[in-house]
């Protein structure tokens, strides 16, 4: 066996293979395992509802590792992921004569990235929706993600990763990420599932769903997604919710296409509802 064949086997034969609750394509599983093997962050893009965030949960579950989630907001700064120095608490303790106020280390709180570095065991770190932060945020993390360490000025301590975390980063493509950041990542775009894969995903959640209910619901779902002027295409999670509602409501399969019962579970905008109920042919 050649070295290249051996490498391919190590990427696909072990590592992440999906879970009972998370159906992943062969390409996605390969991307996860390549990122782990190359010790690089995995950057995931895709439509909302395609399972980007759930991927990190599935990887952690499949590999038996703890999941640390860093939810990014528009106001999030890279420093918060490393550590924060709680000067207010220290001042408060000083005013009330608390012991140990001179020990600055007591007031250093590790952020999510710092927590991942400081863990005694390897963890999965999810940096969720990185594109919500300002443009400098990804660049501010380059050194730490490369070197797997950072320096705490207040205590003169270097926090170095005991075990390189498995880093999964999600983006909804609201902003372009810097080229320097992209060069350091393995990239994967989660394509929206075709009908075959979607059926497999739905049956993970509802193994006993009636065949005709599933077929008719999926036909309507994909037809809605194909409408040219639709503003918000329904996602996988909305199809799953709709099928659940149809089952709970006891809706027979032959009524799904005619009556569009509980369609508000799938369609969330007034304009889209008009298009669905009165399609322009």
Protein backbone atom coordinates (compact mmCIF):
# COMPACT_ATOMS: atom_id res chain seq x y z
CA UNK A 1 0.00 0.00 0.00
CA UNK A 2 1.36 3.42 -0.96
CA UNK A 3 1.74 6.27 1.54
CA UNK A 4 -1.12 8.14 -0.15
CA UNK A 5 -3.42 5.10 0.06
CA UNK A 6 -2.49 4.64 3.71
CA UNK A 7 -3.28 8.30 4.42
CA UNK A 8 -6.68 8.01 2.70
CA UNK A 9 -7.47 4.93 4.78
CA UNK A 10 -6.62 6.74 8.00
CA UNK A 11 -8.95 9.61 7.05
CA UNK A 12 -11.94 7.44 6.19
CA UNK A 13 -11.53 4.25 8.18
CA UNK A 14 -11.41 5.75 11.64
CA UNK A 15 -12.39 8.95 13.36
CA UNK A 16 -15.73 10.66 12.82
CA UNK A 17 -18.32 8.53 11.04
CA UNK A 18 -21.46 10.41 12.02
CA UNK A 19 -23.79 9.38 14.83
CA UNK A 20 -27.21 7.78 15.17
CA UNK A 21 -28.68 11.28 15.51
CA UNK A 22 -26.58 13.08 12.90
CA UNK A 23 -26.48 11.94 9.29
CA UNK A 24 -23.37 13.28 7.56
CA UNK A 25 -22.34 12.96 3.93
CA UNK A 26 -19.14 11.14 3.02
CA UNK A 27 -17.58 14.46 2.02
CA UNK A 28 -18.40 16.08 5.38
CA UNK A 29 -17.06 13.13 7.37
CA UNK A 30 -13.86 13.24 5.29
CA UNK A 31 -13.46 16.98 5.92
CA UNK A 32 -13.81 16.49 9.68
CA UNK A 33 -11.24 13.71 9.73
CA UNK A 34 -8.79 15.59 7.48
CA UNK A 35 -9.00 18.64 9.77
CA UNK A 36 -8.33 16.45 12.82
CA UNK A 37 -5.42 14.70 11.10
CA UNK A 38 -3.86 17.95 9.90
CA UNK A 39 -4.56 19.68 13.24
CA UNK A 40 -6.29 22.61 11.60
CA UNK A 41 -9.59 24.37 12.35
CA UNK A 42 -12.54 23.20 10.26
CA UNK A 43 -14.52 26.11 8.81
CA UNK A 44 -18.11 25.13 7.99
CA UNK A 45 -20.46 27.17 5.83
CA UNK A 46 -23.92 26.38 4.55
CA UNK A 47 -27.53 27.54 4.57
CA UNK A 48 -29.12 28.09 7.98
CA UNK A 49 -30.63 24.83 9.18
CA UNK A 50 -28.15 22.51 7.45
CA UNK A 51 -26.69 21.27 10.73
CA UNK A 52 -23.52 23.37 11.06
CA UNK A 53 -23.78 23.83 14.82
CA UNK A 54 -25.05 20.29 15.37
CA UNK A 55 -21.94 18.97 13.62
CA UNK A 56 -19.74 19.97 16.56
CA UNK A 57 -22.13 18.26 18.97
CA UNK A 58 -22.06 15.11 16.82
CA UNK A 59 -18.24 15.10 16.58
CA UNK A 60 -17.91 15.47 20.36
CA UNK A 61 -20.43 12.69 20.96
CA UNK A 62 -18.90 10.34 18.39
CA UNK A 63 -15.36 10.80 19.71
CA UNK A 64 -16.33 10.85 23.38
CA UNK A 65 -15.02 14.35 24.01
CA UNK A 66 -16.32 17.34 25.93
CA UNK A 67 -17.86 20.12 23.83
CA UNK A 68 -17.06 23.77 24.57
CA UNK A 69 -19.22 26.30 22.73
CA UNK A 70 -18.17 29.89 22.09
CA UNK A 71 -21.22 31.71 20.73
CA UNK A 72 -20.09 34.78 18.81
CA UNK A 73 -22.08 38.02 18.85
CA UNK A 74 -21.60 41.33 17.08
CA UNK A 75 -19.94 42.74 20.21
CA UNK A 76 -17.64 39.76 20.90
CA UNK A 77 -13.92 40.50 21.08
CA UNK A 78 -11.18 37.91 20.60
CA UNK A 79 -9.73 38.74 24.02
CA UNK A 80 -12.90 37.44 25.70
CA UNK A 81 -12.17 33.99 24.34
CA UNK A 82 -8.73 33.97 25.98
CA UNK A 83 -9.33 35.45 29.43
CA UNK A 84 -10.84 38.40 31.27
CA UNK A 85 -9.42 40.22 34.28
CA UNK A 86 -12.26 40.96 36.70
CA UNK A 87 -11.03 44.28 38.06
CA UNK A 88 -14.47 45.21 39.38
CA UNK A 89 -14.70 42.09 41.57
CA UNK A 90 -11.17 42.72 42.85
CA UNK A 91 -12.03 46.32 43.72
CA UNK A 92 -15.22 45.16 45.42
CA UNK A 93 -13.34 42.54 47.47
CA UNK A 94 -10.71 45.13 48.41
CA UNK A 95 -13.35 47.51 49.73
CA UNK A 96 -14.82 44.81 51.95
CA UNK A 97 -11.52 43.46 53.21
CA UNK A 98 -11.68 40.08 51.52
CA UNK A 99 -8.58 37.90 51.93
CA UNK A 100 -6.42 37.12 48.91
CA UNK A 101 -7.20 40.35 47.09
CA UNK A 102 -3.50 40.71 46.26
CA UNK A 103 -3.59 37.42 44.33
CA UNK A 104 -4.42 38.65 40.85
CA UNK A 105 -4.75 35.07 39.57
CA UNK A 106 -7.99 34.78 41.54
CA UNK A 107 -9.52 37.39 39.26
CA UNK A 108 -8.41 35.91 35.96
CA UNK A 109 -11.27 34.05 34.31
CA UNK A 110 -10.44 31.92 31.29
CA UNK A 111 -12.64 32.34 28.23
CA UNK A 112 -13.87 29.50 26.04
CA UNK A 113 -10.64 29.28 24.04
CA UNK A 114 -8.58 29.47 27.22
CA UNK A 115 -10.74 26.78 28.78
CA UNK A 116 -10.15 24.51 25.78
CA UNK A 117 -6.38 25.06 25.97
CA UNK A 118 -6.29 24.48 29.72
CA UNK A 119 -8.34 21.27 29.64
CA UNK A 120 -6.59 18.12 30.86
CA UNK A 121 -8.25 16.20 28.02
CA UNK A 122 -8.74 17.02 24.37
CA UNK A 123 -12.02 18.82 23.75
CA UNK A 124 -14.09 19.89 20.76
CA UNK A 125 -14.27 23.68 20.56
CA UNK A 126 -17.11 25.20 18.56
CA UNK A 127 -16.66 28.85 17.53
CA UNK A 128 -20.21 29.46 16.37
CA UNK A 129 -21.12 32.08 13.74
CA UNK A 130 -17.72 33.76 13.57
CA UNK A 131 -18.95 36.13 10.85
CA UNK A 132 -21.18 37.95 13.35
CA UNK A 133 -18.14 39.63 14.93
CA UNK A 134 -16.27 42.57 13.46
CA UNK A 135 -13.79 42.11 10.62
CA UNK A 136 -10.75 42.10 12.89
CA UNK A 137 -12.01 39.27 15.09
CA UNK A 138 -10.67 36.34 13.00
CA UNK A 139 -7.28 38.03 12.52
CA UNK A 140 -7.03 38.62 16.27
CA UNK A 141 -7.17 34.84 16.81
CA UNK A 142 -4.54 33.87 14.23
CA UNK A 143 -1.59 33.60 16.65
CA UNK A 144 -3.51 31.69 19.29
CA UNK A 145 -5.00 29.20 16.81
CA UNK A 146 -1.59 28.69 15.18
CA UNK A 147 0.54 28.44 18.29
CA UNK A 148 -2.11 27.04 20.66
CA UNK A 149 -1.01 29.37 23.43
CA UNK A 150 -1.50 32.88 24.79
CA UNK A 151 0.08 35.11 27.43
CA UNK A 152 -1.69 36.56 30.48
CA UNK A 153 -0.04 39.92 31.14
CA UNK A 154 -1.42 40.36 34.64
CA UNK A 155 0.05 37.12 36.00
CA UNK A 156 2.98 36.69 33.56
CA UNK A 157 1.64 33.23 32.74
CA UNK A 158 1.57 31.51 29.36
CA UNK A 159 -1.41 29.26 28.83
CA UNK A 160 -0.35 26.55 26.39
CA UNK A 161 -2.72 23.90 25.11
CA UNK A 162 -2.20 20.62 26.92
CA UNK A 163 -4.00 18.94 24.02
CA UNK A 164 -4.76 20.66 20.72
CA UNK A 165 -8.55 21.01 20.67
CA UNK A 166 -10.60 19.95 17.67
CA UNK A 167 -11.75 23.36 16.46
CA UNK A 168 -14.94 23.69 14.41
CA UNK A 169 -15.89 27.16 13.19
CA UNK A 170 -19.26 27.99 11.63
CA UNK A 171 -20.15 30.90 9.37
CA UNK A 172 -23.36 32.02 7.70
CA UNK A 173 -21.34 34.06 5.19
CA UNK A 174 -22.71 37.37 6.49
CA UNK A 175 -19.19 38.80 6.12
CA UNK A 176 -16.15 37.75 4.14
CA UNK A 177 -13.43 36.27 6.32
CA UNK A 178 -9.81 37.44 5.90
CA UNK A 179 -7.61 35.46 3.52
CA UNK A 180 -4.95 34.97 6.21
CA UNK A 181 -7.55 33.30 8.39
CA UNK A 182 -8.94 31.16 5.56
CA UNK A 183 -5.46 29.85 4.73
CA UNK A 184 -5.23 28.29 8.18
CA UNK A 185 -8.54 26.42 7.93
CA UNK A 186 -9.91 23.35 6.24
CA UNK A 187 -13.07 24.50 4.47
CA UNK A 188 -16.30 22.61 3.85
CA UNK A 189 -19.61 23.87 2.49
CA UNK A 190 -22.57 21.77 3.59
CA UNK A 191 -24.74 21.38 0.51
CA UNK A 192 -28.47 21.31 1.11
CA UNK A 193 -29.54 17.64 1.29
CA UNK A 194 -31.09 16.06 -1.78
CA UNK A 195 -34.28 14.03 -1.33
CA UNK A 196 -32.47 10.77 -0.71
CA UNK A 197 -30.31 12.16 2.07
CA UNK A 198 -33.20 14.20 3.46
CA UNK A 199 -35.32 11.06 3.80
CA UNK A 200 -32.50 9.44 5.73
CA UNK A 201 -32.24 12.48 8.01
CA UNK A 202 -35.99 12.57 8.67
CA UNK A 203 -36.16 8.85 9.42
CA UNK A 204 -33.47 9.28 12.07
CA UNK A 205 -35.98 11.47 13.92
CA UNK A 206 -39.16 9.63 12.92
CA UNK A 207 -38.35 6.02 11.97
CA UNK A 208 -42.06 5.06 11.93
CA UNK A 209 -43.27 7.92 9.71
CA UNK A 210 -45.74 6.73 7.06
CA UNK A 211 -44.14 6.54 3.62
CA UNK A 212 -46.82 8.58 1.85
CA UNK A 213 -46.82 11.28 4.54
CA UNK A 214 -43.08 11.64 4.20
CA UNK A 215 -43.19 11.61 0.38
CA UNK A 216 -45.95 14.20 0.09
CA UNK A 217 -44.45 16.46 2.75
CA UNK A 218 -41.06 16.34 1.05
CA UNK A 219 -42.61 17.03 -2.37
CA UNK A 220 -44.26 20.18 -0.99
CA UNK A 221 -41.13 21.17 0.89
CA UNK A 222 -38.83 20.97 -2.15
CA UNK A 223 -41.42 22.66 -4.34
CA UNK A 224 -41.51 25.59 -1.92
CA UNK A 225 -37.71 25.78 -1.96
CA UNK A 226 -37.78 25.87 -5.77
CA UNK A 227 -40.07 28.92 -5.96
CA UNK A 228 -37.97 31.61 -7.61
CA UNK A 229 -39.02 34.60 -5.50
CA UNK A 230 -39.18 32.86 -2.12
CA UNK A 231 -37.49 35.10 0.46
CA UNK A 232 -36.71 32.53 3.14
CA UNK A 233 -36.17 29.01 1.93
CA UNK A 234 -37.34 26.48 4.55
CA UNK A 235 -34.58 24.52 6.24
CA UNK A 236 -34.12 20.91 7.27
CA UNK A 237 -35.17 21.66 10.84
CA UNK A 238 -38.43 23.19 9.60
CA UNK A 239 -39.24 20.10 7.52
CA UNK A 240 -38.62 17.92 10.57
CA UNK A 241 -40.92 20.14 12.68
CA UNK A 242 -43.59 20.04 9.97
CA UNK A 243 -43.56 16.26 9.70
CA UNK A 244 -43.82 16.08 13.48
CA UNK A 245 -46.83 18.42 13.39
CA UNK A 246 -48.48 16.38 10.62
CA UNK A 247 -48.07 13.19 12.64
CA UNK A 248 -49.32 14.75 15.87
CA UNK A 249 -52.30 16.21 14.00
CA UNK A 250 -53.09 12.87 12.36
CA UNK A 251 -53.15 14.47 8.91
CA UNK A 252 -53.72 11.88 6.17
CA UNK A 253 -51.18 11.85 3.36
CA UNK A 254 -53.68 12.82 0.65
CA UNK A 255 -54.50 16.13 2.40
CA UNK A 256 -50.93 17.41 2.62
CA UNK A 257 -50.62 18.75 -0.93
CA UNK A 258 -54.24 19.94 -1.16
CA UNK A 259 -54.70 21.69 2.18
CA UNK A 260 -51.10 22.51 3.20
CA UNK A 261 -51.93 21.93 6.88
CA UNK A 262 -49.74 23.68 9.46
CA UNK A 263 -47.79 25.33 6.62
CA UNK A 264 -46.77 28.10 9.04
CA UNK A 265 -44.30 25.61 10.50
CA UNK A 266 -42.44 25.73 7.18
CA UNK A 267 -43.12 29.18 5.76
CA UNK A 268 -42.33 32.12 8.04
CA UNK A 269 -42.89 35.27 5.94
CA UNK A 270 -46.18 36.81 4.74
CA UNK A 271 -44.89 37.30 1.21
CA UNK A 272 -43.71 33.70 1.01
CA UNK A 273 -47.05 32.44 2.28
CA UNK A 274 -48.79 34.25 -0.58
CA UNK A 275 -46.40 32.69 -3.09
CA UNK A 276 -46.98 29.22 -1.67
CA UNK A 277 -50.76 29.52 -1.62
CA UNK A 278 -51.02 31.34 -4.96
CA UNK A 279 -47.97 30.32 -6.99
CA UNK A 280 -47.21 32.20 -10.17
CA UNK A 281 -46.87 29.69 -12.98
